[in-house]
Amino acid sequence: MANSENRAFAQWRTLYEAAVLELDFDKLPQRIAEAKHAIMDRIEDLGWSGSGTENEELMNALTVLGDLRRLAGQ
């Protein structure tokens, strides 16, 4: 993975982890939105030409964020 690709991967991953680990329910909707936006940007950047592993991680992360949003009553 090139350096810019590493940064892009780290960016969505960091925001995703922040959402999953957020304990403040008032902040959770914003964390989820930020993570989802970063994931969608990454998907757009890759155009599905990225590694199969990252594509799978992106889709799994979107699923988890959706579940988290539903569990939080959002």
C-alpha atoms as a PDB file:
ATOM      1  CA  MET A   1       0.000   0.000   0.000  1.00  0.00           C
ATOM      2  CA  ALA A   2       1.398   3.414  -0.969  1.00  0.00           C
ATOM      3  CA  ASN A   3       1.832   6.104   1.689  1.00  0.00           C
ATOM      4  CA  SER A   4      -1.263   8.073   0.583  1.00  0.00           C
ATOM      5  CA  GLU A   5      -3.287   4.850   0.558  1.00  0.00           C
ATOM      6  CA  ASN A   6      -2.106   4.102   4.096  1.00  0.00           C
ATOM      7  CA  ARG A   7      -3.301   7.545   5.225  1.00  0.00           C
ATOM      8  CA  ALA A   8      -6.691   7.093   3.536  1.00  0.00           C
ATOM      9  CA  PHE A   9      -7.075   3.662   5.144  1.00  0.00           C
ATOM     10  CA  ALA A  10      -6.032   5.026   8.530  1.00  0.00           C
ATOM     11  CA  GLN A  11      -8.450   7.958   8.258  1.00  0.00           C
ATOM     12  CA  TRP A  12     -11.625   5.949   7.762  1.00  0.00           C
ATOM     13  CA  ARG A  13     -10.461   3.292  10.194  1.00  0.00           C
ATOM     14  CA  THR A  14      -9.733   5.870  12.923  1.00  0.00           C
ATOM     15  CA  LEU A  15     -13.147   7.508  12.530  1.00  0.00           C
ATOM     16  CA  TYR A  16     -14.846   4.106  12.492  1.00  0.00           C
ATOM     17  CA  GLU A  17     -13.107   3.049  15.701  1.00  0.00           C
ATOM     18  CA  ALA A  18     -14.040   6.362  17.343  1.00  0.00           C
ATOM     19  CA  ALA A  19     -17.703   5.703  16.545  1.00  0.00           C
ATOM     20  CA  VAL A  20     -17.647   2.118  17.775  1.00  0.00           C
ATOM     21  CA  LEU A  21     -15.894   3.093  21.007  1.00  0.00           C
ATOM     22  CA  GLU A  22     -17.958   6.234  21.707  1.00  0.00           C
ATOM     23  CA  LEU A  23     -19.669   6.015  25.099  1.00  0.00           C
ATOM     24  CA  ASP A  24     -21.419   9.393  25.014  1.00  0.00           C
ATOM     25  CA  PHE A  25     -24.792   8.830  23.332  1.00  0.00           C
ATOM     26  CA  ASP A  26     -25.033  12.563  22.580  1.00  0.00           C
ATOM     27  CA  LYS A  27     -21.849  12.370  20.491  1.00  0.00           C
ATOM     28  CA  LEU A  28     -22.599   9.018  18.892  1.00  0.00           C
ATOM     29  CA  PRO A  29     -24.716  10.233  15.942  1.00  0.00           C
ATOM     30  CA  GLN A  30     -21.969  12.642  14.864  1.00  0.00           C
ATOM     31  CA  ARG A  31     -19.275   9.975  15.220  1.00  0.00           C
ATOM     32  CA  ILE A  32     -21.333   7.548  13.138  1.00  0.00           C
ATOM     33  CA  ALA A  33     -21.938  10.186  10.449  1.00  0.00           C
ATOM     34  CA  GLU A  34     -18.242  11.108  10.270  1.00  0.00           C
ATOM     35  CA  ALA A  35     -17.191   7.472   9.995  1.00  0.00           C
ATOM     36  CA  LYS A  36     -19.812   6.681   7.365  1.00  0.00           C
ATOM     37  CA  HIS A  37     -18.769   9.719   5.313  1.00  0.00           C
ATOM     38  CA  ALA A  38     -15.083   8.699   5.460  1.00  0.00           C
ATOM     39  CA  ILE A  39     -15.952   5.130   4.469  1.00  0.00           C
ATOM     40  CA  MET A  40     -18.058   6.279   1.527  1.00  0.00           C
ATOM     41  CA  ASP A  41     -15.252   8.609   0.420  1.00  0.00           C
ATOM     42  CA  ARG A  42     -12.808   5.714   0.569  1.00  0.00           C
ATOM     43  CA  ILE A  43     -15.128   3.480  -1.452  1.00  0.00           C
ATOM     44  CA  GLU A  44     -15.435   6.247  -4.036  1.00  0.00           C
ATOM     45  CA  ASP A  45     -11.660   6.755  -4.124  1.00  0.00           C
ATOM     46  CA  LEU A  46     -11.020   3.057  -4.622  1.00  0.00           C
ATOM     47  CA  GLY A  47     -13.698   2.594  -7.236  1.00  0.00           C
ATOM     48  CA  TRP A  48     -13.666  -1.023  -6.025  1.00  0.00           C
ATOM     49  CA  SER A  49     -10.132  -1.376  -7.345  1.00  0.00           C
ATOM     50  CA  GLY A  50      -8.659  -1.689  -3.849  1.00  0.00           C
ATOM     51  CA  SER A  51      -7.663  -4.889  -2.173  1.00  0.00           C
ATOM     52  CA  GLY A  52     -10.406  -7.400  -1.550  1.00  0.00           C
ATOM     53  CA  THR A  53      -9.535  -7.250   2.120  1.00  0.00           C
ATOM     54  CA  GLU A  54     -10.083  -3.507   2.415  1.00  0.00           C
ATOM     55  CA  ASN A  55     -13.279  -3.660   0.373  1.00  0.00           C
ATOM     56  CA  GLU A  56     -14.599  -6.316   2.732  1.00  0.00           C
ATOM     57  CA  GLU A  57     -13.570  -4.249   5.775  1.00  0.00           C
ATOM     58  CA  LEU A  58     -15.345  -1.201   4.366  1.00  0.00           C
ATOM     59  CA  MET A  59     -18.574  -3.108   3.816  1.00  0.00           C
ATOM     60  CA  ASN A  60     -18.376  -4.711   7.260  1.00  0.00           C
ATOM     61  CA  ALA A  61     -17.760  -1.307   8.837  1.00  0.00           C
ATOM     62  CA  LEU A  62     -20.859   0.129   7.133  1.00  0.00           C
ATOM     63  CA  THR A  63     -22.911  -2.781   8.449  1.00  0.00           C
ATOM     64  CA  VAL A  64     -21.629  -2.296  11.993  1.00  0.00           C
ATOM     65  CA  LEU A  65     -22.309   1.453  11.863  1.00  0.00           C
ATOM     66  CA  GLY A  66     -25.861   0.784  10.710  1.00  0.00           C
ATOM     67  CA  ASP A  67     -26.371  -1.700  13.538  1.00  0.00           C
ATOM     68  CA  LEU A  68     -24.873   0.744  16.018  1.00  0.00           C
ATOM     69  CA  ARG A  69     -27.164   3.525  14.807  1.00  0.00           C
ATOM     70  CA  ARG A  70     -30.216   1.269  15.231  1.00  0.00           C
ATOM     71  CA  LEU A  71     -29.127   0.114  18.691  1.00  0.00           C
ATOM     72  CA  ALA A  72     -28.624   3.719  19.749  1.00  0.00           C
ATOM     73  CA  GLY A  73     -32.169   4.491  18.614  1.00  0.00           C
ATOM     74  CA  GLN A  74     -31.069   6.853  15.872  1.00  0.00           C
END
